[in-house]
Amino acid sequence: MIVGYHTQITKDWADDDLHHKLSLLPQFLQDKITPKRRHLDVQLSIAGNLLLLKVIDHFNLDLRLDDLRYGQYKRPYFDGGFDFNISHSGNRVICCGTMEGKIGVDIELMHPIDIDYDDYFTPAEQQNIRAAKNQQTEFFKYWTRKEAVLKAIGTGVYTPLLQIDVSHDKVIYQGETFYLMPIDIDVDFAGYLACGVRQQLLIAKVEM
């Protein structure tokens, strides 16, 4: 099973509340978070790590954030069979975790954009986007699908987007298979999860 928690930042936290939440994180994470320029980015980063603690607690794992390690492309992970991924956009943040295979998650606040297909999408993906009734919504659908796979692989932006074709719900890349599932947290957001093992997805909203 994949378990996910998401939250919405609706207002600036009071200083004492922010410092309390920050104190729940290890010092190395505090040092990464506090230099962020935007107050909202600080809140989202804190919230994402607190959601990770909730996912760890759900699986009753003996893990602490101090145990976090980072891969070649700076993807955070824990030793053992547990995998997780965090994404934030706008004022929302989500964290998903599983004990089966690798996962990646991406959410995006949809907004008006000048759609450029050639640099990001394969011919099959471009065809599907152009055929959609709402091309902008379809653009963000395919963008989050692609980002979710890249995050599951662990390379992120270091892998060119054109190397990943997400025109189907089953993606095979360099011998690895990933299954795509939509994430519905709000009508204004697109979201997808990529997982190496097909399994049930359980998502809940929490207040912070």
Protein backbone atom coordinates (compact mmCIF):
# COMPACT_ATOMS: atom_id res chain seq x y z
CA MET A 1 0.00 0.00 0.00
CA ILE A 2 1.06 3.57 -0.72
CA VAL A 3 0.10 6.04 2.02
CA GLY A 4 0.04 9.77 1.40
CA TYR A 5 -0.71 12.84 3.49
CA HIS A 6 -1.17 16.34 2.16
CA THR A 7 -1.82 19.72 3.73
CA GLN A 8 -2.61 23.29 2.75
CA ILE A 9 -0.86 26.36 4.14
CA THR A 10 -3.65 28.91 4.54
CA LYS A 11 -1.86 31.58 6.60
CA ASP A 12 1.50 32.58 8.00
CA TRP A 13 2.33 30.62 11.12
CA ALA A 14 2.93 32.66 14.24
CA ASP A 15 6.61 32.83 15.19
CA ASP A 16 6.24 30.55 18.21
CA ASP A 17 4.28 28.00 16.17
CA LEU A 18 6.86 28.07 13.37
CA HIS A 19 9.77 27.66 15.78
CA HIS A 20 7.98 24.80 17.51
CA LYS A 21 7.37 22.96 14.24
CA LEU A 22 10.94 23.65 13.14
CA SER A 23 12.28 22.25 16.42
CA LEU A 24 10.69 18.89 15.60
CA LEU A 25 13.19 18.50 12.75
CA PRO A 26 16.89 17.60 13.09
CA GLN A 27 19.38 20.45 12.97
CA PHE A 28 20.69 19.65 9.48
CA LEU A 29 17.17 20.04 8.06
CA GLN A 30 16.61 23.23 10.02
CA ASP A 31 19.82 24.60 8.51
CA LYS A 32 18.57 23.77 4.99
CA ILE A 33 15.13 25.25 5.51
CA THR A 34 15.67 28.53 7.37
CA PRO A 35 17.70 30.30 4.62
CA LYS A 36 14.78 30.08 2.18
CA ARG A 37 13.69 33.56 1.14
CA ARG A 38 9.94 33.12 1.00
CA HIS A 39 8.13 32.49 4.27
CA LEU A 40 5.73 30.16 2.44
CA ASP A 41 8.64 28.04 1.19
CA VAL A 42 9.87 27.69 4.77
CA GLN A 43 6.41 26.57 5.89
CA LEU A 44 6.02 24.12 3.00
CA SER A 45 9.43 22.57 3.66
CA ILE A 46 8.68 22.14 7.35
CA ALA A 47 5.24 20.73 6.57
CA GLY A 48 6.63 18.26 4.04
CA ASN A 49 8.99 16.80 6.63
CA LEU A 50 6.26 16.64 9.27
CA LEU A 51 4.08 14.77 6.77
CA LEU A 52 6.98 12.37 6.23
CA LEU A 53 6.99 11.70 9.98
CA LYS A 54 3.27 10.88 9.76
CA VAL A 55 3.89 8.43 6.93
CA ILE A 56 6.70 6.78 8.92
CA ASP A 57 4.40 6.55 11.92
CA HIS A 58 1.65 4.99 9.78
CA PHE A 59 3.96 2.13 8.85
CA ASN A 60 5.18 1.90 12.47
CA LEU A 61 8.80 2.19 11.35
CA ASP A 62 11.78 2.75 13.59
CA LEU A 63 13.11 5.62 11.50
CA ARG A 64 14.14 9.15 12.36
CA LEU A 65 14.76 12.08 10.05
CA ASP A 66 18.37 11.97 11.27
CA ASP A 67 18.60 8.67 9.36
CA LEU A 68 18.02 10.37 6.00
CA ARG A 69 20.61 9.80 3.31
CA TYR A 70 21.01 11.43 -0.09
CA GLY A 71 21.72 9.77 -3.43
CA GLN A 72 23.96 10.89 -6.26
CA TYR A 73 21.29 13.31 -7.49
CA LYS A 74 20.37 14.52 -3.98
CA ARG A 75 17.25 12.38 -3.72
CA PRO A 76 16.59 11.69 -0.02
CA TYR A 77 16.09 8.09 1.11
CA PHE A 78 16.32 5.73 4.05
CA ASP A 79 18.23 2.47 4.15
CA GLY A 80 15.87 -0.50 4.04
CA GLY A 81 12.65 -1.23 2.19
CA PHE A 82 10.80 2.04 2.82
CA ASP A 83 10.63 4.66 0.07
CA PHE A 84 9.00 8.09 0.04
CA ASN A 85 8.69 11.24 -2.01
CA ILE A 86 7.56 14.82 -1.32
CA SER A 87 6.17 17.47 -3.67
CA HIS A 88 4.83 20.97 -3.17
CA SER A 89 3.27 23.61 -5.38
CA GLY A 90 1.29 26.75 -4.63
CA ASN A 91 0.34 26.44 -0.97
CA ARG A 92 0.01 22.63 -0.95
CA VAL A 93 2.48 19.90 -0.03
CA ILE A 94 2.15 16.12 -0.19
CA CYS A 95 4.26 13.22 1.03
CA CYS A 96 3.73 9.61 -0.05
CA GLY A 97 5.47 6.48 1.20
CA THR A 98 5.49 2.74 0.59
CA MET A 99 7.19 -0.45 1.69
CA GLU A 100 7.07 -1.88 -1.86
CA GLY A 101 9.35 -0.53 -4.56
CA LYS A 102 10.22 3.03 -5.47
CA ILE A 103 7.79 5.93 -5.80
CA GLY A 104 7.73 9.49 -7.08
CA VAL A 105 5.02 12.10 -6.65
CA ASP A 106 4.41 15.46 -8.28
CA ILE A 107 1.68 18.05 -7.82
CA GLU A 108 1.35 21.31 -9.73
CA LEU A 109 -0.93 24.29 -9.28
CA MET A 110 -2.44 24.79 -12.72
CA HIS A 111 -2.17 28.30 -14.16
CA PRO A 112 -2.29 29.96 -17.58
CA ILE A 113 0.88 29.31 -19.56
CA ASP A 114 2.17 29.51 -23.10
CA ILE A 115 2.33 25.81 -23.91
CA ASP A 116 5.61 24.70 -25.47
CA TYR A 117 5.57 21.04 -26.46
CA ASP A 118 8.74 20.38 -28.38
CA ASP A 119 11.30 20.60 -25.58
CA TYR A 120 9.38 18.51 -23.06
CA PHE A 121 7.05 16.00 -24.69
CA THR A 122 7.43 13.09 -27.07
CA PRO A 123 5.35 13.01 -30.29
CA ALA A 124 2.82 10.63 -28.67
CA GLU A 125 2.45 12.92 -25.65
CA GLN A 126 2.11 15.99 -27.87
CA GLN A 127 -0.62 14.30 -29.88
CA ASN A 128 -2.60 13.46 -26.74
CA ILE A 129 -2.28 16.99 -25.36
CA ARG A 130 -3.34 18.61 -28.63
CA ALA A 131 -6.33 16.26 -28.91
CA ALA A 132 -7.61 17.16 -25.42
CA LYS A 133 -10.61 19.42 -24.93
CA ASN A 134 -8.62 21.48 -22.41
CA GLN A 135 -5.01 21.51 -23.57
CA GLN A 136 -3.77 23.42 -20.53
CA THR A 137 -5.19 20.87 -18.09
CA GLU A 138 -3.78 18.08 -20.22
CA PHE A 139 -0.38 19.79 -20.27
CA PHE A 140 -0.18 19.76 -16.46
CA LYS A 141 -1.45 16.18 -16.39
CA TYR A 142 1.44 15.05 -18.58
CA TRP A 143 3.93 17.30 -16.82
CA THR A 144 3.15 15.77 -13.41
CA ARG A 145 3.18 12.27 -14.87
CA LYS A 146 6.65 12.87 -16.29
CA GLU A 147 7.98 14.52 -13.12
CA ALA A 148 6.62 11.70 -10.95
CA VAL A 149 8.50 9.10 -13.01
CA LEU A 150 11.72 11.11 -12.93
CA LYS A 151 11.46 11.46 -9.16
CA ALA A 152 10.82 7.73 -8.78
CA ILE A 153 13.88 6.97 -10.90
CA GLY A 154 15.81 9.32 -8.66
CA THR A 155 17.51 11.49 -11.28
CA GLY A 156 14.98 14.33 -11.48
CA VAL A 157 16.02 17.11 -13.85
CA TYR A 158 19.27 15.30 -14.68
CA THR A 159 17.32 13.02 -17.06
CA PRO A 160 16.03 14.86 -20.18
CA LEU A 161 12.24 14.94 -20.23
CA LEU A 162 12.15 13.67 -23.80
CA GLN A 163 13.72 10.38 -22.67
CA ILE A 164 10.58 9.50 -20.69
CA ASP A 165 7.32 8.75 -22.51
CA VAL A 166 4.28 8.83 -20.22
CA SER A 167 1.56 8.52 -22.85
CA HIS A 168 0.52 5.25 -21.17
CA ASP A 169 -0.08 4.40 -17.51
CA LYS A 170 2.75 1.86 -17.59
CA VAL A 171 6.21 3.33 -18.21
CA ILE A 172 9.38 1.34 -18.85
CA TYR A 173 12.69 3.16 -18.59
CA GLN A 174 16.10 1.48 -18.68
CA GLY A 175 14.63 -1.83 -17.58
CA GLU A 176 12.55 -0.39 -14.74
CA THR A 177 8.74 -0.40 -14.82
CA PHE A 178 6.60 2.30 -13.22
CA TYR A 179 2.84 2.52 -12.91
CA LEU A 180 1.11 5.91 -12.96
CA MET A 181 -1.82 6.86 -10.74
CA PRO A 182 -3.63 10.22 -10.57
CA ILE A 183 -3.70 12.21 -7.35
CA ASP A 184 -6.76 14.38 -6.78
CA ILE A 185 -6.22 16.92 -4.01
CA ASP A 186 -8.03 19.94 -5.48
CA VAL A 187 -9.65 21.03 -8.74
CA ASP A 188 -6.92 23.61 -9.27
CA PHE A 189 -4.10 21.05 -8.98
CA ALA A 190 -2.81 18.33 -11.25
CA GLY A 191 -1.03 15.43 -9.60
CA TYR A 192 0.39 11.99 -10.35
CA LEU A 193 2.23 9.26 -8.53
CA ALA A 194 4.64 6.79 -10.13
CA CYS A 195 5.35 3.51 -8.37
CA GLY A 196 7.49 0.52 -9.19
CA VAL A 197 4.90 -1.91 -7.80
CA ARG A 198 1.20 -1.66 -8.62
CA GLN A 199 -0.62 -1.21 -5.32
CA GLN A 200 -3.45 0.54 -3.50
CA LEU A 201 -3.16 4.27 -2.84
CA LEU A 202 -4.53 5.81 0.36
CA ILE A 203 -4.39 9.62 0.66
CA ALA A 204 -5.66 11.83 3.46
CA LYS A 205 -5.58 15.56 4.19
CA VAL A 206 -4.25 16.82 7.52
CA GLU A 207 -4.39 20.27 9.09
CA MET A 208 -1.29 22.14 10.24
